[in-house]
Each structure stands twice: as C-alpha cells, then as structure tokens.
Amino acid sequence: MTYLQIVNAVLKRLRQPTVATIAENTYATMIAEFVNQAKRECEDAWSWLQQEDIHNITATTGIDSYTLTDFGKRSQVLRVHNLTTKGTILSISRERMERYSDFTDVANSEPSYWRINGQSGDDPIIQFYPTPGSIYIIRVYGRVPQDDLAVETDILTIPEYPVILGAYYLAVSERGDDRGNALPQAQSEYQQALSDAIAIDNSNRVEGMATDWVVA
C-alpha cells in the first residue's frame, strides 16, 4: 500500500473523511505522523525479510574499515561471508577487537572477525580483523529499515495491517475522548496483528531449513 492509502485506511477507522492528499488538512497530517511512528515500532519489533539487504565489499590489502553505503543509522548487520575463501566472518565485541589489536601482532591476512566501528554520515563503518592481506570479496547481509514514508506514493515494504492498526491506536490514544474499551481494544488488535505478521514472516524464513543444502 502507498503512504496515502495507509493514511486513508486509518482515517476510515476513525470515521473521518478520506483525503486526496496528506496535506489536505491538519488531521490527516497528524495521522501521517502516526503512520510513520507505527511503522518504526513494527520495524524495530522484528527483522523483516522484506528489509534484508546485501552489500558487497572489495576488501584490499592493508585497509580494515569500510562504509556500508545506504545502510543507514537504524540498520543491523546479520551475517558476513567471505566469498573469495567461502568462509564466514564472525562478529566480535569492541572489547575483544581492541584486545586483539593491542596485544597481538598478526600480519595482514584473511579477516576472521568483524565489528561496527563508528559511522560515515548516516552509514555504519564495518571493521575487520585481521586487516586484509589480499583482495577479498566480502558480502554483508543486513537489516535495513525503510526511511520514513514521505511522498504519498511511497510503498510500505513491511506488512501494512499492523502499521494501520498501530497508527489507529495512536490516534485513539491522542484523541482521548473515547469511552468504554476503545483504547485497550485498539491496542490489543494492534499487538495481535503485529504478532501474526511476525509469525508469518518467521515461517517464511525457516521454511525448508531441515532440507537446506550445506556447503562444506
């Protein structure tokens, strides 16, 4: 669904007129803010398959750090593979990386470990240890949440139903004039929708794992 379609879906639940543009009135603009808030909450609750991304690095001799371009501040590195040697590079804590760097004298060689070490603009910097001693093609698998929806035609990448219900819950909470069980019911429906969407996404992730081929 587009940003505008999601906003209108929330407005319908609130028994408010739909809009042709988000800027048509201040109430629609507020709902649009709630949509992005709910979107962020849903993104932070789970590593969605639709938001996994790949970044290939050509690691060169003597350089241990590389920017993950377009990953953004809210990204998360999931797995790192060395395609050249067909090996896995393991994550390591900052403390352990510092201990290796400070107390061991290892010549440049094939990287065994990685960690995130700072940012370049909005993008994280990944650091490898040992420092590459040759050219390696390294593939980084990451979770890259979508930027806030901004243009009315922007397409939401994660399931829209929990986002709609989350924005509706925020709107009911903000309105504050509902009686009875409207607010707790809206919250319950939102949480259930999010739980169901996560369960479906997880089933898609693990389906077939028992019969996966393993590269030796």
C-alpha atoms as a PDB file:
ATOM      1  CA  MET A   1       0.000   0.000   0.000  1.00  0.00           C
ATOM      2  CA  THR A   2       1.062   3.588  -0.580  1.00  0.00           C
ATOM      3  CA  TYR A   3       1.568   6.148   2.169  1.00  0.00           C
ATOM      4  CA  LEU A   4      -1.668   7.896   1.166  1.00  0.00           C
ATOM      5  CA  GLN A   5      -3.647   4.642   1.107  1.00  0.00           C
ATOM      6  CA  ILE A   6      -2.465   3.786   4.611  1.00  0.00           C
ATOM      7  CA  VAL A   7      -3.387   7.238   5.924  1.00  0.00           C
ATOM      8  CA  ASN A   8      -6.861   6.903   4.402  1.00  0.00           C
ATOM      9  CA  ALA A   9      -7.273   3.417   5.870  1.00  0.00           C
ATOM     10  CA  VAL A  10      -6.619   4.879   9.321  1.00  0.00           C
ATOM     11  CA  LEU A  11      -8.973   7.801   8.689  1.00  0.00           C
ATOM     12  CA  LYS A  12     -11.762   5.378   7.738  1.00  0.00           C
ATOM     13  CA  ARG A  13     -11.318   3.510  11.022  1.00  0.00           C
ATOM     14  CA  LEU A  14     -11.587   6.832  12.833  1.00  0.00           C
ATOM     15  CA  ARG A  15     -14.798   7.610  10.882  1.00  0.00           C
ATOM     16  CA  GLN A  16     -13.124  10.606   9.301  1.00  0.00           C
ATOM     17  CA  PRO A  17     -13.324  11.702   5.648  1.00  0.00           C
ATOM     18  CA  THR A  18     -10.570  10.357   3.429  1.00  0.00           C
ATOM     19  CA  VAL A  19      -8.228  12.811   1.720  1.00  0.00           C
ATOM     20  CA  ALA A  20      -6.819  13.268  -1.763  1.00  0.00           C
ATOM     21  CA  THR A  21      -3.506  14.500  -0.356  1.00  0.00           C
ATOM     22  CA  ILE A  22      -1.920  14.145   3.065  1.00  0.00           C
ATOM     23  CA  ALA A  23      -1.547  17.905   3.320  1.00  0.00           C
ATOM     24  CA  GLU A  24      -5.282  18.395   2.734  1.00  0.00           C
ATOM     25  CA  ASN A  25      -5.896  19.086   6.431  1.00  0.00           C
ATOM     26  CA  THR A  26      -4.029  19.093   9.721  1.00  0.00           C
ATOM     27  CA  TYR A  27      -5.738  15.943  10.982  1.00  0.00           C
ATOM     28  CA  ALA A  28      -4.560  13.889   8.005  1.00  0.00           C
ATOM     29  CA  THR A  29      -1.069  15.292   8.515  1.00  0.00           C
ATOM     30  CA  MET A  30      -1.138  14.143  12.138  1.00  0.00           C
ATOM     31  CA  ILE A  31      -2.316  10.674  11.108  1.00  0.00           C
ATOM     32  CA  ALA A  32       0.557  10.538   8.635  1.00  0.00           C
ATOM     33  CA  GLU A  33       2.953  11.136  11.533  1.00  0.00           C
ATOM     34  CA  PHE A  34       1.309   8.310  13.471  1.00  0.00           C
ATOM     35  CA  VAL A  35       1.738   6.034  10.454  1.00  0.00           C
ATOM     36  CA  ASN A  36       5.492   6.602  10.460  1.00  0.00           C
ATOM     37  CA  GLN A  37       5.637   6.125  14.228  1.00  0.00           C
ATOM     38  CA  ALA A  38       3.785   2.824  13.979  1.00  0.00           C
ATOM     39  CA  LYS A  39       5.977   1.806  11.047  1.00  0.00           C
ATOM     40  CA  ARG A  40       9.114   2.354  13.124  1.00  0.00           C
ATOM     41  CA  GLU A  41       7.668   0.383  16.039  1.00  0.00           C
ATOM     42  CA  CYS A  42       6.844  -2.531  13.748  1.00  0.00           C
ATOM     43  CA  GLU A  43      10.262  -2.413  12.094  1.00  0.00           C
ATOM     44  CA  ASP A  44      12.031  -2.397  15.456  1.00  0.00           C
ATOM     45  CA  ALA A  45       9.985  -5.364  16.668  1.00  0.00           C
ATOM     46  CA  TRP A  46      11.301  -7.824  14.076  1.00  0.00           C
ATOM     47  CA  SER A  47      13.907  -8.391  11.383  1.00  0.00           C
ATOM     48  CA  TRP A  48      11.590  -8.435   8.360  1.00  0.00           C
ATOM     49  CA  LEU A  49      12.584 -10.456   5.317  1.00  0.00           C
ATOM     50  CA  GLN A  50      11.427  -7.616   3.070  1.00  0.00           C
ATOM     51  CA  GLN A  51      14.033  -5.319   4.614  1.00  0.00           C
ATOM     52  CA  GLU A  52      17.078  -7.548   4.360  1.00  0.00           C
ATOM     53  CA  ASP A  53      19.743  -6.152   2.053  1.00  0.00           C
ATOM     54  CA  ILE A  54      23.168  -7.114   0.732  1.00  0.00           C
ATOM     55  CA  HIS A  55      26.316  -5.015   0.473  1.00  0.00           C
ATOM     56  CA  ASN A  56      29.383  -6.339  -1.343  1.00  0.00           C
ATOM     57  CA  ILE A  57      32.801  -5.065  -0.254  1.00  0.00           C
ATOM     58  CA  THR A  58      36.027  -5.393  -2.206  1.00  0.00           C
ATOM     59  CA  ALA A  59      38.454  -5.545   0.699  1.00  0.00           C
ATOM     60  CA  THR A  60      42.001  -4.583  -0.207  1.00  0.00           C
ATOM     61  CA  THR A  61      45.390  -5.131   1.341  1.00  0.00           C
ATOM     62  CA  GLY A  62      46.100  -3.013   4.425  1.00  0.00           C
ATOM     63  CA  ILE A  63      42.611  -1.487   4.791  1.00  0.00           C
ATOM     64  CA  ASP A  64      40.493  -2.804   7.661  1.00  0.00           C
ATOM     65  CA  SER A  65      37.430  -0.485   7.641  1.00  0.00           C
ATOM     66  CA  TYR A  66      34.679   0.073   5.024  1.00  0.00           C
ATOM     67  CA  THR A  67      31.487   2.114   4.892  1.00  0.00           C
ATOM     68  CA  LEU A  68      28.228   0.202   4.402  1.00  0.00           C
ATOM     69  CA  THR A  69      26.757   2.690   1.955  1.00  0.00           C
ATOM     70  CA  ASP A  70      22.986   3.277   2.194  1.00  0.00           C
ATOM     71  CA  PHE A  71      22.586   1.037   5.245  1.00  0.00           C
ATOM     72  CA  GLY A  72      21.617   3.969   7.468  1.00  0.00           C
ATOM     73  CA  LYS A  73      21.619   4.546  11.222  1.00  0.00           C
ATOM     74  CA  ARG A  74      18.918   2.010  12.066  1.00  0.00           C
ATOM     75  CA  SER A  75      20.496  -0.878  10.191  1.00  0.00           C
ATOM     76  CA  GLN A  76      21.762  -4.126  11.669  1.00  0.00           C
ATOM     77  CA  VAL A  77      24.414  -6.460  10.264  1.00  0.00           C
ATOM     78  CA  LEU A  78      23.138 -10.039  10.290  1.00  0.00           C
ATOM     79  CA  ARG A  79      25.808 -12.150   8.597  1.00  0.00           C
ATOM     80  CA  VAL A  80      29.158 -11.612   6.879  1.00  0.00           C
ATOM     81  CA  HIS A  81      30.652 -14.029   4.342  1.00  0.00           C
ATOM     82  CA  ASN A  82      34.000 -14.044   2.587  1.00  0.00           C
ATOM     83  CA  LEU A  83      33.038 -15.034  -0.952  1.00  0.00           C
ATOM     84  CA  THR A  84      36.660 -15.363  -2.019  1.00  0.00           C
ATOM     85  CA  THR A  85      37.523 -18.037   0.545  1.00  0.00           C
ATOM     86  CA  LYS A  86      33.976 -19.400   1.017  1.00  0.00           C
ATOM     87  CA  GLY A  87      34.178 -18.678   4.731  1.00  0.00           C
ATOM     88  CA  THR A  88      32.112 -16.966   7.410  1.00  0.00           C
ATOM     89  CA  ILE A  89      33.438 -13.893   9.222  1.00  0.00           C
ATOM     90  CA  LEU A  90      32.265 -13.830  12.834  1.00  0.00           C
ATOM     91  CA  SER A  91      31.045 -10.858  14.862  1.00  0.00           C
ATOM     92  CA  ILE A  92      33.191  -9.733  17.767  1.00  0.00           C
ATOM     93  CA  SER A  93      32.747  -7.286  20.633  1.00  0.00           C
ATOM     94  CA  ARG A  94      34.507  -3.925  20.731  1.00  0.00           C
ATOM     95  CA  GLU A  95      36.479  -5.026  23.816  1.00  0.00           C
ATOM     96  CA  ARG A  96      37.693  -8.215  22.181  1.00  0.00           C
ATOM     97  CA  MET A  97      38.625  -6.426  18.947  1.00  0.00           C
ATOM     98  CA  GLU A  98      40.633  -3.871  20.931  1.00  0.00           C
ATOM     99  CA  ARG A  99      42.366  -6.635  22.881  1.00  0.00           C
ATOM    100  CA  TYR A 100      43.374  -8.437  19.699  1.00  0.00           C
ATOM    101  CA  SER A 101      44.564  -5.216  18.078  1.00  0.00           C
ATOM    102  CA  ASP A 102      46.503  -4.016  21.136  1.00  0.00           C
ATOM    103  CA  PHE A 103      48.051  -7.229  22.417  1.00  0.00           C
ATOM    104  CA  THR A 104      48.651  -9.423  19.375  1.00  0.00           C
ATOM    105  CA  ASP A 105      50.985  -8.967  16.439  1.00  0.00           C
ATOM    106  CA  VAL A 106      49.247 -10.588  13.495  1.00  0.00           C
ATOM    107  CA  ALA A 107      50.343  -9.981   9.930  1.00  0.00           C
ATOM    108  CA  ASN A 108      47.736  -8.869   7.434  1.00  0.00           C
ATOM    109  CA  SER A 109      45.779 -11.945   6.374  1.00  0.00           C
ATOM    110  CA  GLU A 110      42.282 -13.301   5.809  1.00  0.00           C
ATOM    111  CA  PRO A 111      39.743 -11.491   8.084  1.00  0.00           C
ATOM    112  CA  SER A 112      38.228 -13.709  10.776  1.00  0.00           C
ATOM    113  CA  TYR A 113      36.146 -11.148  12.702  1.00  0.00           C
ATOM    114  CA  TRP A 114      34.111  -8.008  12.173  1.00  0.00           C
ATOM    115  CA  ARG A 115      32.511  -5.274  14.255  1.00  0.00           C
ATOM    116  CA  ILE A 116      30.757  -1.962  13.653  1.00  0.00           C
ATOM    117  CA  ASN A 117      33.152   0.872  14.403  1.00  0.00           C
ATOM    118  CA  GLY A 118      31.562   4.293  14.011  1.00  0.00           C
ATOM    119  CA  GLN A 119      29.712   5.968  11.167  1.00  0.00           C
ATOM    120  CA  SER A 120      30.355   7.805   7.957  1.00  0.00           C
ATOM    121  CA  GLY A 121      27.474  10.240   7.641  1.00  0.00           C
ATOM    122  CA  ASP A 122      24.385   8.121   8.327  1.00  0.00           C
ATOM    123  CA  ASP A 123      26.038   4.834   7.352  1.00  0.00           C
ATOM    124  CA  PRO A 124      27.861   2.389   9.647  1.00  0.00           C
ATOM    125  CA  ILE A 125      31.532   1.518   9.224  1.00  0.00           C
ATOM    126  CA  ILE A 126      32.469  -2.154   9.424  1.00  0.00           C
ATOM    127  CA  GLN A 127      35.947  -3.081  10.667  1.00  0.00           C
ATOM    128  CA  PHE A 128      37.712  -6.405  10.052  1.00  0.00           C
ATOM    129  CA  TYR A 129      40.385  -8.285  11.969  1.00  0.00           C
ATOM    130  CA  PRO A 130      42.986  -9.266  10.957  1.00  0.00           C
ATOM    131  CA  THR A 131      43.455  -6.491   8.435  1.00  0.00           C
ATOM    132  CA  PRO A 132      43.066  -7.945   4.930  1.00  0.00           C
ATOM    133  CA  GLY A 133      46.336  -9.121   3.443  1.00  0.00           C
ATOM    134  CA  SER A 134      44.944  -9.588  -0.040  1.00  0.00           C
ATOM    135  CA  ILE A 135      41.873  -8.718  -2.109  1.00  0.00           C
ATOM    136  CA  TYR A 136      38.693 -10.378  -0.801  1.00  0.00           C
ATOM    137  CA  ILE A 137      35.095 -10.062  -1.917  1.00  0.00           C
ATOM    138  CA  ILE A 138      33.105  -9.795   1.318  1.00  0.00           C
ATOM    139  CA  ARG A 139      29.320  -9.941   1.377  1.00  0.00           C
ATOM    140  CA  VAL A 140      27.459  -8.254   4.223  1.00  0.00           C
ATOM    141  CA  TYR A 141      23.856  -9.261   4.874  1.00  0.00           C
ATOM    142  CA  GLY A 142      21.954  -6.630   6.815  1.00  0.00           C
ATOM    143  CA  ARG A 143      18.577  -5.475   8.010  1.00  0.00           C
ATOM    144  CA  VAL A 144      17.949  -2.024   6.560  1.00  0.00           C
ATOM    145  CA  PRO A 145      14.713  -0.397   7.775  1.00  0.00           C
ATOM    146  CA  GLN A 146      12.897   1.763   5.280  1.00  0.00           C
ATOM    147  CA  ASP A 147      13.227   5.533   5.564  1.00  0.00           C
ATOM    148  CA  ASP A 148      10.177   7.323   6.934  1.00  0.00           C
ATOM    149  CA  LEU A 149       7.398   7.497   4.357  1.00  0.00           C
ATOM    150  CA  ALA A 150       7.464  10.989   2.888  1.00  0.00           C
ATOM    151  CA  VAL A 151       5.866  11.029  -0.565  1.00  0.00           C
ATOM    152  CA  GLU A 152       2.226   9.958  -0.920  1.00  0.00           C
ATOM    153  CA  THR A 153       3.192   7.310  -3.476  1.00  0.00           C
ATOM    154  CA  ASP A 154       5.852   5.738  -1.241  1.00  0.00           C
ATOM    155  CA  ILE A 155       5.221   1.992  -0.866  1.00  0.00           C
ATOM    156  CA  LEU A 156       5.463   0.416   2.573  1.00  0.00           C
ATOM    157  CA  THR A 157       7.820  -2.550   2.481  1.00  0.00           C
ATOM    158  CA  ILE A 158       6.637  -4.364   5.629  1.00  0.00           C
ATOM    159  CA  PRO A 159       3.086  -5.729   6.166  1.00  0.00           C
ATOM    160  CA  GLU A 160       0.656  -2.829   6.231  1.00  0.00           C
ATOM    161  CA  TYR A 161      -2.058  -4.213   8.537  1.00  0.00           C
ATOM    162  CA  PRO A 162      -0.154  -3.860  11.835  1.00  0.00           C
ATOM    163  CA  VAL A 163       1.020  -0.398  10.759  1.00  0.00           C
ATOM    164  CA  ILE A 164      -2.576   0.670  10.090  1.00  0.00           C
ATOM    165  CA  LEU A 165      -3.752  -0.677  13.441  1.00  0.00           C
ATOM    166  CA  GLY A 166      -0.751   0.833  15.208  1.00  0.00           C
ATOM    167  CA  ALA A 167      -1.472   4.279  13.747  1.00  0.00           C
ATOM    168  CA  TYR A 168      -5.150   3.870  14.642  1.00  0.00           C
ATOM    169  CA  TYR A 169      -4.226   3.001  18.231  1.00  0.00           C
ATOM    170  CA  LEU A 170      -2.006   6.086  18.462  1.00  0.00           C
ATOM    171  CA  ALA A 171      -4.802   8.258  17.065  1.00  0.00           C
ATOM    172  CA  VAL A 172      -7.376   6.893  19.530  1.00  0.00           C
ATOM    173  CA  SER A 173      -4.912   7.445  22.362  1.00  0.00           C
ATOM    174  CA  GLU A 174      -4.233  11.019  21.245  1.00  0.00           C
ATOM    175  CA  ARG A 175      -7.911  11.825  20.859  1.00  0.00           C
ATOM    176  CA  GLY A 176      -8.559  10.859  24.453  1.00  0.00           C
ATOM    177  CA  ASP A 177     -12.334  11.216  24.313  1.00  0.00           C
ATOM    178  CA  ASP A 178     -13.303   7.590  23.683  1.00  0.00           C
ATOM    179  CA  ARG A 179     -15.334   5.762  26.277  1.00  0.00           C
ATOM    180  CA  GLY A 180     -15.519   2.088  27.121  1.00  0.00           C
ATOM    181  CA  ASN A 181     -12.944  -0.310  25.730  1.00  0.00           C
ATOM    182  CA  ALA A 182     -11.947   1.552  22.556  1.00  0.00           C
ATOM    183  CA  LEU A 183      -8.339   2.234  23.573  1.00  0.00           C
ATOM    184  CA  PRO A 184      -7.421  -1.155  25.092  1.00  0.00           C
ATOM    185  CA  GLN A 185      -9.189  -2.920  22.222  1.00  0.00           C
ATOM    186  CA  ALA A 186      -7.246  -0.877  19.667  1.00  0.00           C
ATOM    187  CA  GLN A 187      -4.013  -1.699  21.464  1.00  0.00           C
ATOM    188  CA  SER A 188      -4.870  -5.399  21.645  1.00  0.00           C
ATOM    189  CA  GLU A 189      -5.755  -5.562  17.944  1.00  0.00           C
ATOM    190  CA  TYR A 190      -2.514  -3.778  17.039  1.00  0.00           C
ATOM    191  CA  GLN A 191      -0.373  -6.141  19.119  1.00  0.00           C
ATOM    192  CA  GLN A 192      -2.177  -9.203  17.752  1.00  0.00           C
ATOM    193  CA  ALA A 193      -1.768  -8.026  14.156  1.00  0.00           C
ATOM    194  CA  LEU A 194       1.925  -7.405  14.710  1.00  0.00           C
ATOM    195  CA  SER A 195       2.364 -10.815  16.360  1.00  0.00           C
ATOM    196  CA  ASP A 196       0.557 -12.548  13.494  1.00  0.00           C
ATOM    197  CA  ALA A 197       2.623 -10.730  10.863  1.00  0.00           C
ATOM    198  CA  ILE A 198       5.854 -11.672  12.637  1.00  0.00           C
ATOM    199  CA  ALA A 199       4.743 -15.312  12.830  1.00  0.00           C
ATOM    200  CA  ILE A 200       4.051 -15.390   9.083  1.00  0.00           C
ATOM    201  CA  ASP A 201       7.367 -13.730   8.276  1.00  0.00           C
ATOM    202  CA  ASN A 202       9.200 -16.142  10.553  1.00  0.00           C
ATOM    203  CA  SER A 203       7.529 -19.150   8.920  1.00  0.00           C
ATOM    204  CA  ASN A 204       8.708 -17.895   5.533  1.00  0.00           C
ATOM    205  CA  ARG A 205      12.219 -17.554   6.950  1.00  0.00           C
ATOM    206  CA  VAL A 206      12.503 -21.041   8.426  1.00  0.00           C
ATOM    207  CA  GLU A 207      10.527 -22.992   5.808  1.00  0.00           C
ATOM    208  CA  GLY A 208      12.708 -25.676   4.311  1.00  0.00           C
ATOM    209  CA  MET A 209      15.570 -25.281   6.782  1.00  0.00           C
ATOM    210  CA  ALA A 210      15.507 -29.001   7.572  1.00  0.00           C
ATOM    211  CA  THR A 211      16.376 -29.824   3.957  1.00  0.00           C
ATOM    212  CA  ASP A 212      18.783 -26.967   3.184  1.00  0.00           C
ATOM    213  CA  TRP A 213      21.979 -27.944   1.413  1.00  0.00           C
ATOM    214  CA  VAL A 214      25.115 -27.103   3.369  1.00  0.00           C
ATOM    215  CA  VAL A 215      28.313 -26.070   1.612  1.00  0.00           C
ATOM    216  CA  ALA A 216      31.259 -27.820   3.235  1.00  0.00           C
END
